[in-house]
Amino acid sequence: MEKRLISSYDEESDTFVGKVVGEHGYVADYGISDDIFLNIDKNNMPTSVFVRNASEVFNVSGKSLQDGNVRICISCNDECLSFRMFVENSEICSLRRRNDFGIPSLQYLMDCNI
């Protein structure tokens, strides 16, 4: 499934937010890693990503996070959640963790260029 992403980075608070166009709010947010939170809707589908201390978490400059070419890939099965984030086609984050969230099996792409 592919969805259009709107992303923003606040340099003052070092916060990155990526939100799916047309989604309003969320029913739960899950900490999938230190300072990375995945927000989901009532159907357990991703709606947005929130990252505190983003330049430190991703080990990139704030200027890089202001780039408009952001892509987030989320894949899930009953056991594992995989989160990957790209800026200008360079992977800046890749993590896997146990799917304790009830997110259904899916391949989900949030992309600013859709």
C-alpha atoms as a PDB file:
ATOM      1  CA  MET A   1       0.000   0.000   0.000  1.00  0.00           C
ATOM      2  CA  GLU A   2       1.348   3.433  -0.907  1.00  0.00           C
ATOM      3  CA  LYS A   3       0.319   6.707   0.711  1.00  0.00           C
ATOM      4  CA  ARG A   4       1.439  10.311   0.202  1.00  0.00           C
ATOM      5  CA  LEU A   5       3.561  11.635   3.051  1.00  0.00           C
ATOM      6  CA  ILE A   6       3.890  15.180   4.335  1.00  0.00           C
ATOM      7  CA  SER A   7       6.968  15.644   6.477  1.00  0.00           C
ATOM      8  CA  SER A   8       8.264  18.476   8.596  1.00  0.00           C
ATOM      9  CA  TYR A   9      11.276  19.081  10.761  1.00  0.00           C
ATOM     10  CA  ASP A  10      11.454  21.638  13.577  1.00  0.00           C
ATOM     11  CA  GLU A  11      15.079  22.596  14.109  1.00  0.00           C
ATOM     12  CA  GLU A  12      14.444  24.345  17.426  1.00  0.00           C
ATOM     13  CA  SER A  13      12.951  21.254  19.085  1.00  0.00           C
ATOM     14  CA  ASP A  14      14.835  18.776  16.831  1.00  0.00           C
ATOM     15  CA  THR A  15      11.555  17.019  16.030  1.00  0.00           C
ATOM     16  CA  PHE A  16      10.619  15.210  12.826  1.00  0.00           C
ATOM     17  CA  VAL A  17       6.989  14.461  11.933  1.00  0.00           C
ATOM     18  CA  GLY A  18       5.815  12.481   8.926  1.00  0.00           C
ATOM     19  CA  LYS A  19       2.047  12.309   8.355  1.00  0.00           C
ATOM     20  CA  VAL A  20      -0.060  10.495   5.777  1.00  0.00           C
ATOM     21  CA  VAL A  21      -2.122  12.955   3.719  1.00  0.00           C
ATOM     22  CA  GLY A  22      -5.820  12.765   4.586  1.00  0.00           C
ATOM     23  CA  GLU A  23      -5.356  11.088   7.967  1.00  0.00           C
ATOM     24  CA  HIS A  24      -6.591  13.023  10.964  1.00  0.00           C
ATOM     25  CA  GLY A  25      -5.432  12.007  14.413  1.00  0.00           C
ATOM     26  CA  TYR A  26      -4.646   8.588  15.760  1.00  0.00           C
ATOM     27  CA  VAL A  27      -5.932   6.210  18.415  1.00  0.00           C
ATOM     28  CA  ALA A  28      -2.583   4.931  19.690  1.00  0.00           C
ATOM     29  CA  ASP A  29       1.072   5.737  19.481  1.00  0.00           C
ATOM     30  CA  TYR A  30       3.745   3.132  19.989  1.00  0.00           C
ATOM     31  CA  GLY A  31       7.383   3.650  20.838  1.00  0.00           C
ATOM     32  CA  ILE A  32       9.068   1.439  18.274  1.00  0.00           C
ATOM     33  CA  SER A  33      12.566   2.564  19.291  1.00  0.00           C
ATOM     34  CA  ASP A  34      14.153   5.228  21.470  1.00  0.00           C
ATOM     35  CA  ASP A  35      12.439   8.491  20.501  1.00  0.00           C
ATOM     36  CA  ILE A  36      10.658   7.004  17.423  1.00  0.00           C
ATOM     37  CA  PHE A  37       6.874   6.751  17.719  1.00  0.00           C
ATOM     38  CA  LEU A  38       4.443   5.187  15.248  1.00  0.00           C
ATOM     39  CA  ASN A  39       0.854   6.455  15.375  1.00  0.00           C
ATOM     40  CA  ILE A  40      -1.951   4.189  14.169  1.00  0.00           C
ATOM     41  CA  ASP A  41      -5.651   4.562  13.400  1.00  0.00           C
ATOM     42  CA  LYS A  42      -8.598   2.492  14.669  1.00  0.00           C
ATOM     43  CA  ASN A  43      -7.827  -0.177  12.043  1.00  0.00           C
ATOM     44  CA  ASN A  44      -4.222  -0.491  13.291  1.00  0.00           C
ATOM     45  CA  MET A  45      -2.888   1.171  10.141  1.00  0.00           C
ATOM     46  CA  PRO A  46       0.003   3.674  10.341  1.00  0.00           C
ATOM     47  CA  THR A  47      -1.004   7.344  10.123  1.00  0.00           C
ATOM     48  CA  SER A  48       2.136   9.196  11.185  1.00  0.00           C
ATOM     49  CA  VAL A  49       5.619   8.993  12.626  1.00  0.00           C
ATOM     50  CA  PHE A  50       6.997  11.284  15.329  1.00  0.00           C
ATOM     51  CA  VAL A  51      10.710  11.423  16.194  1.00  0.00           C
ATOM     52  CA  ARG A  52      12.181  13.364  19.117  1.00  0.00           C
ATOM     53  CA  ASN A  53      15.879  14.278  18.988  1.00  0.00           C
ATOM     54  CA  ALA A  54      15.682  13.422  15.302  1.00  0.00           C
ATOM     55  CA  SER A  55      19.117  14.588  14.179  1.00  0.00           C
ATOM     56  CA  GLU A  56      20.689  12.519  16.960  1.00  0.00           C
ATOM     57  CA  VAL A  57      18.454   9.459  16.419  1.00  0.00           C
ATOM     58  CA  PHE A  58      19.128   9.409  12.667  1.00  0.00           C
ATOM     59  CA  ASN A  59      22.703  10.715  12.969  1.00  0.00           C
ATOM     60  CA  VAL A  60      22.139  13.316  10.249  1.00  0.00           C
ATOM     61  CA  SER A  61      22.025  17.100  10.149  1.00  0.00           C
ATOM     62  CA  GLY A  62      18.789  18.978  10.700  1.00  0.00           C
ATOM     63  CA  LYS A  63      19.212  20.387   7.198  1.00  0.00           C
ATOM     64  CA  SER A  64      18.966  16.843   5.798  1.00  0.00           C
ATOM     65  CA  LEU A  65      15.709  16.297   7.680  1.00  0.00           C
ATOM     66  CA  GLN A  66      14.227  19.431   6.104  1.00  0.00           C
ATOM     67  CA  ASP A  67      14.575  17.832   2.667  1.00  0.00           C
ATOM     68  CA  GLY A  68      11.293  17.236   0.862  1.00  0.00           C
ATOM     69  CA  ASN A  69      12.311  13.839  -0.509  1.00  0.00           C
ATOM     70  CA  VAL A  70      11.427  11.551   2.420  1.00  0.00           C
ATOM     71  CA  ARG A  71      10.247   7.951   2.230  1.00  0.00           C
ATOM     72  CA  ILE A  72       9.213   5.686   5.110  1.00  0.00           C
ATOM     73  CA  CYS A  73       8.733   1.948   4.598  1.00  0.00           C
ATOM     74  CA  ILE A  74       6.912  -0.112   7.196  1.00  0.00           C
ATOM     75  CA  SER A  75       6.469  -3.833   6.831  1.00  0.00           C
ATOM     76  CA  CYS A  76       4.806  -6.083   9.332  1.00  0.00           C
ATOM     77  CA  ASN A  77       3.857  -9.664   9.941  1.00  0.00           C
ATOM     78  CA  ASP A  78       2.457 -11.330  13.054  1.00  0.00           C
ATOM     79  CA  GLU A  79       5.896 -11.452  14.661  1.00  0.00           C
ATOM     80  CA  CYS A  80       8.011  -8.566  13.383  1.00  0.00           C
ATOM     81  CA  LEU A  81       7.750  -4.870  12.500  1.00  0.00           C
ATOM     82  CA  SER A  82      10.351  -3.353  10.186  1.00  0.00           C
ATOM     83  CA  PHE A  83      10.815   0.421   9.896  1.00  0.00           C
ATOM     84  CA  ARG A  84      13.079   2.029   7.294  1.00  0.00           C
ATOM     85  CA  MET A  85      13.450   5.720   6.516  1.00  0.00           C
ATOM     86  CA  PHE A  86      15.152   7.351   3.547  1.00  0.00           C
ATOM     87  CA  VAL A  87      16.087  10.946   2.715  1.00  0.00           C
ATOM     88  CA  GLU A  88      17.131  11.613  -0.893  1.00  0.00           C
ATOM     89  CA  ASN A  89      17.270   7.823  -1.438  1.00  0.00           C
ATOM     90  CA  SER A  90      19.838   7.396   1.358  1.00  0.00           C
ATOM     91  CA  GLU A  91      18.737   5.124   4.176  1.00  0.00           C
ATOM     92  CA  ILE A  92      19.025   6.967   7.492  1.00  0.00           C
ATOM     93  CA  CYS A  93      17.233   4.449   9.716  1.00  0.00           C
ATOM     94  CA  SER A  94      16.562   0.738   9.663  1.00  0.00           C
ATOM     95  CA  LEU A  95      15.154  -1.137  12.616  1.00  0.00           C
ATOM     96  CA  ARG A  96      13.294  -4.326  13.367  1.00  0.00           C
ATOM     97  CA  ARG A  97      11.398  -5.184  16.472  1.00  0.00           C
ATOM     98  CA  ARG A  98       8.771  -7.540  17.714  1.00  0.00           C
ATOM     99  CA  ASN A  99       5.222  -6.676  16.576  1.00  0.00           C
ATOM    100  CA  ASP A 100       3.563  -6.265  19.970  1.00  0.00           C
ATOM    101  CA  PHE A 101       1.125  -3.696  18.587  1.00  0.00           C
ATOM    102  CA  GLY A 102      -1.489  -5.731  16.721  1.00  0.00           C
ATOM    103  CA  ILE A 103      -0.531  -4.119  13.423  1.00  0.00           C
ATOM    104  CA  PRO A 104      -1.696  -6.494  10.673  1.00  0.00           C
ATOM    105  CA  SER A 105       0.565  -8.011   8.043  1.00  0.00           C
ATOM    106  CA  LEU A 106       1.298  -5.245   5.556  1.00  0.00           C
ATOM    107  CA  GLN A 107       3.780  -3.564   3.262  1.00  0.00           C
ATOM    108  CA  TYR A 108       3.271   0.182   3.723  1.00  0.00           C
ATOM    109  CA  LEU A 109       5.090   2.975   1.922  1.00  0.00           C
ATOM    110  CA  MET A 110       4.729   6.619   2.939  1.00  0.00           C
ATOM    111  CA  ASP A 111       6.393   8.735   0.262  1.00  0.00           C
ATOM    112  CA  CYS A 112       6.555  12.498  -0.335  1.00  0.00           C
ATOM    113  CA  ASN A 113       6.790  11.898  -4.082  1.00  0.00           C
ATOM    114  CA  ILE A 114       3.534   9.997  -4.639  1.00  0.00           C
END
